[in-house]
C-alpha atoms as a PDB file:
ATOM      1  CA  MET A   1     128.912  28.612  72.662  1.00  0.00           C
ATOM      2  CA  VAL A   2     131.481  31.406  72.943  1.00  0.00           C
ATOM      3  CA  THR A   3     131.657  33.175  76.292  1.00  0.00           C
ATOM      4  CA  LEU A   4     133.435  36.505  76.582  1.00  0.00           C
ATOM      5  CA  VAL A   5     134.256  37.641  80.114  1.00  0.00           C
ATOM      6  CA  LYS A   6     135.218  41.281  80.775  1.00  0.00           C
ATOM      7  CA  CYS A   7     136.742  41.607  77.284  1.00  0.00           C
ATOM      8  CA  ASP A   8     137.222  44.355  74.779  1.00  0.00           C
ATOM      9  CA  LEU A   9     133.921  44.517  72.905  1.00  0.00           C
ATOM     10  CA  SER A  10     135.090  46.528  69.946  1.00  0.00           C
ATOM     11  CA  TYR A  11     134.202  45.293  66.490  1.00  0.00           C
ATOM     12  CA  LEU A  12     137.854  44.453  65.752  1.00  0.00           C
ATOM     13  CA  TYR A  13     138.169  42.262  68.825  1.00  0.00           C
ATOM     14  CA  LEU A  14     134.827  40.542  68.235  1.00  0.00           C
ATOM     15  CA  GLU A  15     135.726  39.964  64.569  1.00  0.00           C
ATOM     16  CA  ALA A  16     139.045  38.380  65.646  1.00  0.00           C
ATOM     17  CA  VAL A  17     137.159  36.041  67.992  1.00  0.00           C
ATOM     18  CA  ASN A  18     134.827  35.100  65.148  1.00  0.00           C
ATOM     19  CA  THR A  19     137.801  34.408  62.886  1.00  0.00           C
ATOM     20  CA  TYR A  20     139.293  32.000  65.447  1.00  0.00           C
ATOM     21  CA  THR A  21     135.977  30.143  65.547  1.00  0.00           C
ATOM     22  CA  TYR A  22     135.832  29.968  61.728  1.00  0.00           C
ATOM     23  CA  GLY A  23     132.694  32.069  61.684  1.00  0.00           C
ATOM     24  CA  SER A  24     130.661  29.384  63.380  1.00  0.00           C
ATOM     25  CA  VAL A  25     129.440  31.299  66.436  1.00  0.00           C
ATOM     26  CA  LYS A  26     125.718  30.792  66.894  1.00  0.00           C
ATOM     27  CA  LYS A  27     125.567  31.138  70.681  1.00  0.00           C
ATOM     28  CA  LEU A  28     127.223  34.057  72.429  1.00  0.00           C
ATOM     29  CA  SER A  29     127.438  34.923  76.110  1.00  0.00           C
ATOM     30  CA  ILE A  30     128.961  38.237  77.180  1.00  0.00           C
ATOM     31  CA  ILE A  31     129.780  39.005  80.809  1.00  0.00           C
ATOM     32  CA  GLY A  32     130.768  42.609  81.501  1.00  0.00           C
ATOM     33  CA  THR A  33     131.585  44.786  84.479  1.00  0.00           C
ATOM     34  CA  ASN A  34     128.310  46.755  84.671  1.00  0.00           C
ATOM     35  CA  LYS A  35     129.993  49.643  82.801  1.00  0.00           C
ATOM     36  CA  GLU A  36     129.872  48.532  79.179  1.00  0.00           C
ATOM     37  CA  VAL A  37     126.966  49.397  76.887  1.00  0.00           C
ATOM     38  CA  ILE A  38     125.966  46.542  74.606  1.00  0.00           C
ATOM     39  CA  SER A  39     126.659  47.300  70.939  1.00  0.00           C
ATOM     40  CA  PHE A  40     124.327  45.109  68.936  1.00  0.00           C
ATOM     41  CA  LYS A  41     125.847  46.538  65.770  1.00  0.00           C
ATOM     42  CA  ASN A  42     129.268  45.217  66.778  1.00  0.00           C
ATOM     43  CA  ILE A  43     127.820  41.872  67.835  1.00  0.00           C
ATOM     44  CA  PHE A  44     125.855  41.269  64.646  1.00  0.00           C
ATOM     45  CA  ASP A  45     128.610  42.660  62.376  1.00  0.00           C
ATOM     46  CA  ALA A  46     131.224  40.363  63.966  1.00  0.00           C
ATOM     47  CA  PHE A  47     128.943  37.324  64.453  1.00  0.00           C
ATOM     48  CA  PRO A  48     126.458  37.410  61.561  1.00  0.00           C
ATOM     49  CA  ARG A  49     125.259  33.853  62.258  1.00  0.00           C
ATOM     50  CA  VAL A  50     124.545  34.348  65.980  1.00  0.00           C
ATOM     51  CA  GLU A  51     121.132  33.111  67.114  1.00  0.00           C
ATOM     52  CA  TRP A  52     121.509  33.208  70.916  1.00  0.00           C
ATOM     53  CA  ILE A  53     122.775  36.231  72.837  1.00  0.00           C
ATOM     54  CA  ILE A  54     123.051  36.204  76.592  1.00  0.00           C
ATOM     55  CA  THR A  55     124.351  39.303  78.331  1.00  0.00           C
ATOM     56  CA  THR A  56     125.272  39.660  82.011  1.00  0.00           C
ATOM     57  CA  ASN A  57     126.492  42.800  83.755  1.00  0.00           C
ATOM     58  CA  MET A  58     126.086  44.796  80.550  1.00  0.00           C
ATOM     59  CA  ILE A  59     124.090  47.991  80.031  1.00  0.00           C
ATOM     60  CA  PRO A  60     121.511  47.803  77.252  1.00  0.00           C
ATOM     61  CA  PRO A  61     121.166  50.877  75.027  1.00  0.00           C
ATOM     62  CA  LYS A  62     117.789  52.580  75.299  1.00  0.00           C
ATOM     63  CA  THR A  63     117.245  51.614  71.644  1.00  0.00           C
ATOM     64  CA  TRP A  64     117.980  47.916  72.183  1.00  0.00           C
ATOM     65  CA  ILE A  65     114.832  46.630  70.424  1.00  0.00           C
ATOM     66  CA  ALA A  66     115.383  48.814  67.365  1.00  0.00           C
ATOM     67  CA  ASP A  67     119.098  47.999  67.348  1.00  0.00           C
ATOM     68  CA  VAL A  68     118.499  44.230  67.352  1.00  0.00           C
ATOM     69  CA  CYS A  69     115.909  44.548  64.589  1.00  0.00           C
ATOM     70  CA  GLN A  70     118.182  46.791  62.508  1.00  0.00           C
ATOM     71  CA  TYR A  71     121.409  44.827  62.769  1.00  0.00           C
ATOM     72  CA  GLN A  72     120.441  41.158  63.103  1.00  0.00           C
ATOM     73  CA  THR A  73     121.009  39.004  60.030  1.00  0.00           C
ATOM     74  CA  HIS A  74     119.378  35.808  61.362  1.00  0.00           C
ATOM     75  CA  ARG A  75     116.280  35.316  63.427  1.00  0.00           C
ATOM     76  CA  LEU A  76     117.164  34.923  67.088  1.00  0.00           C
ATOM     77  CA  SER A  77     116.206  31.942  69.215  1.00  0.00           C
ATOM     78  CA  ALA A  78     117.116  33.594  72.519  1.00  0.00           C
ATOM     79  CA  LEU A  79     118.053  36.983  73.865  1.00  0.00           C
ATOM     80  CA  SER A  80     118.757  37.731  77.526  1.00  0.00           C
ATOM     81  CA  ILE A  81     119.236  41.300  78.716  1.00  0.00           C
ATOM     82  CA  GLU A  82     119.464  42.730  82.183  1.00  0.00           C
ATOM     83  CA  GLY A  83     119.173  46.298  83.396  1.00  0.00           C
ATOM     84  CA  THR A  84     117.299  48.817  85.458  1.00  0.00           C
ATOM     85  CA  PRO A  85     113.797  49.905  84.479  1.00  0.00           C
ATOM     86  CA  GLU A  86     115.332  53.062  82.993  1.00  0.00           C
ATOM     87  CA  GLN A  87     117.761  51.012  80.889  1.00  0.00           C
ATOM     88  CA  ILE A  88     115.207  48.432  79.707  1.00  0.00           C
ATOM     89  CA  GLY A  89     112.579  51.101  79.105  1.00  0.00           C
ATOM     90  CA  MET A  90     108.831  50.896  79.138  1.00  0.00           C
ATOM     91  CA  LEU A  91     108.021  48.383  76.445  1.00  0.00           C
ATOM     92  CA  THR A  92     104.879  48.855  74.406  1.00  0.00           C
ATOM     93  CA  ALA A  93     102.814  46.391  72.402  1.00  0.00           C
ATOM     94  CA  ASP A  94     103.598  48.374  69.252  1.00  0.00           C
ATOM     95  CA  GLU A  95     107.315  47.728  69.587  1.00  0.00           C
ATOM     96  CA  ILE A  96     107.430  44.314  71.275  1.00  0.00           C
ATOM     97  CA  MET A  97     105.055  42.455  68.967  1.00  0.00           C
ATOM     98  CA  PRO A  98     106.869  43.156  65.674  1.00  0.00           C
ATOM     99  CA  PHE A  99     110.136  42.398  67.491  1.00  0.00           C
ATOM    100  CA  LEU A 100     108.845  39.003  68.708  1.00  0.00           C
ATOM    101  CA  LYS A 101     107.361  38.127  65.322  1.00  0.00           C
ATOM    102  CA  ALA A 102     110.690  38.884  63.619  1.00  0.00           C
ATOM    103  CA  GLN A 103     112.413  36.174  65.664  1.00  0.00           C
ATOM    104  CA  HIS A 104     112.458  32.382  65.510  1.00  0.00           C
ATOM    105  CA  PRO A 105     109.043  30.794  66.345  1.00  0.00           C
ATOM    106  CA  ASP A 106     110.302  29.407  69.672  1.00  0.00           C
ATOM    107  CA  PHE A 107     112.165  32.611  70.560  1.00  0.00           C
ATOM    108  CA  CYS A 108     112.696  33.350  74.255  1.00  0.00           C
ATOM    109  CA  LEU A 109     113.307  36.908  75.429  1.00  0.00           C
ATOM    110  CA  THR A 110     114.509  37.133  79.003  1.00  0.00           C
ATOM    111  CA  LEU A 111     114.573  40.555  80.627  1.00  0.00           C
ATOM    112  CA  GLN A 112     116.182  40.684  84.053  1.00  0.00           C
ATOM    113  CA  ILE A 113     114.997  43.979  85.471  1.00  0.00           C
ATOM    114  CA  LYS A 114     116.925  45.219  88.493  1.00  0.00           C
ATOM    115  CA  VAL A 115     114.577  46.853  90.997  1.00  0.00           C
ATOM    116  CA  LYS A 116     114.727  47.288  94.731  1.00  0.00           C
ATOM    117  CA  LYS A 117     112.477  45.295  97.019  1.00  0.00           C
ATOM    118  CA  ASP A 118     109.941  48.034  97.588  1.00  0.00           C
ATOM    119  CA  LYS A 119     106.963  49.710  95.966  1.00  0.00           C
ATOM    120  CA  ALA A 120     109.039  50.741  92.938  1.00  0.00           C
ATOM    121  CA  LYS A 121     109.305  47.176  91.651  1.00  0.00           C
ATOM    122  CA  HIS A 122     105.584  46.639  91.774  1.00  0.00           C
ATOM    123  CA  GLU A 123     104.932  50.020  90.167  1.00  0.00           C
ATOM    124  CA  TYR A 124     107.285  49.322  87.260  1.00  0.00           C
ATOM    125  CA  VAL A 125     105.762  45.905  86.579  1.00  0.00           C
ATOM    126  CA  ARG A 126     102.251  47.352  86.842  1.00  0.00           C
ATOM    127  CA  LYS A 127     103.157  50.078  84.331  1.00  0.00           C
ATOM    128  CA  LEU A 128     104.841  47.533  82.057  1.00  0.00           C
ATOM    129  CA  ARG A 129     101.771  45.334  82.037  1.00  0.00           C
ATOM    130  CA  SER A 130      99.602  48.371  81.348  1.00  0.00           C
ATOM    131  CA  SER A 131     101.935  49.556  78.587  1.00  0.00           C
ATOM    132  CA  LEU A 132     101.735  46.181  76.871  1.00  0.00           C
ATOM    133  CA  GLY A 133      97.970  46.574  76.877  1.00  0.00           C
ATOM    134  CA  ASN A 134      95.656  43.687  76.178  1.00  0.00           C
ATOM    135  CA  VAL A 135      98.058  42.069  73.738  1.00  0.00           C
ATOM    136  CA  ASN A 136      97.575  38.353  73.585  1.00  0.00           C
ATOM    137  CA  LEU A 137     101.157  37.149  73.361  1.00  0.00           C
ATOM    138  CA  TRP A 138      99.902  33.616  72.916  1.00  0.00           C
ATOM    139  CA  GLN A 139      98.979  34.564  69.336  1.00  0.00           C
ATOM    140  CA  VAL A 140     102.656  34.440  68.449  1.00  0.00           C
ATOM    141  CA  ASP A 141     103.339  31.322  70.531  1.00  0.00           C
ATOM    142  CA  GLU A 142     105.022  33.353  73.239  1.00  0.00           C
ATOM    143  CA  LYS A 143     104.446  33.507  76.962  1.00  0.00           C
ATOM    144  CA  VAL A 144     104.939  36.050  79.685  1.00  0.00           C
ATOM    145  CA  ILE A 145     106.130  34.913  83.086  1.00  0.00           C
ATOM    146  CA  ILE A 146     106.948  37.379  85.836  1.00  0.00           C
ATOM    147  CA  THR A 147     108.620  36.122  88.979  1.00  0.00           C
ATOM    148  CA  LEU A 148     110.571  37.829  91.752  1.00  0.00           C
ATOM    149  CA  VAL A 149     114.117  36.532  92.236  1.00  0.00           C
ATOM    150  CA  GLU A 150     115.898  38.348  95.043  1.00  0.00           C
ATOM    151  CA  ASP A 151     115.976  41.959  93.855  1.00  0.00           C
ATOM    152  CA  TRP A 152     115.049  41.161  90.258  1.00  0.00           C
ATOM    153  CA  TYR A 153     111.962  40.506  88.224  1.00  0.00           C
ATOM    154  CA  ILE A 154     112.562  37.944  85.510  1.00  0.00           C
ATOM    155  CA  LEU A 155     110.336  38.440  82.501  1.00  0.00           C
ATOM    156  CA  ASN A 156     110.327  35.665  79.925  1.00  0.00           C
ATOM    157  CA  PHE A 157     108.531  36.502  76.692  1.00  0.00           C
END
């Protein structure tokens, strides 16, 4: 696994890292400063064989699902993203199901959604559940677990 901590995340830098690893990066962890927006284009262009992506203190683009689908070259086994409800967005069954089916059969999507300990957290999760509808995620061998951890909900798909 390659872990990048508070680094330049330009394509040129990421490509240089991949060169030093002889193009073998399959697991990537990126830790930012809460100011950088994740560029899935840069990640997948620089690390075409990556199967695991874990991001911490990074801002996901509002189009993160479409970006992953557009730029990935291999099916993912794991993706971890954190952000506020506004950054993660209100997921719908129409977008999440094709996304999940496009990944590895044992794919794990972890969304760490930052919400305050008040009514807002419950409202967001209620809306998210409603937005996902009556989709049976078990049909694609996935699961949904929602737990409260300090100020965060952790959603594992």
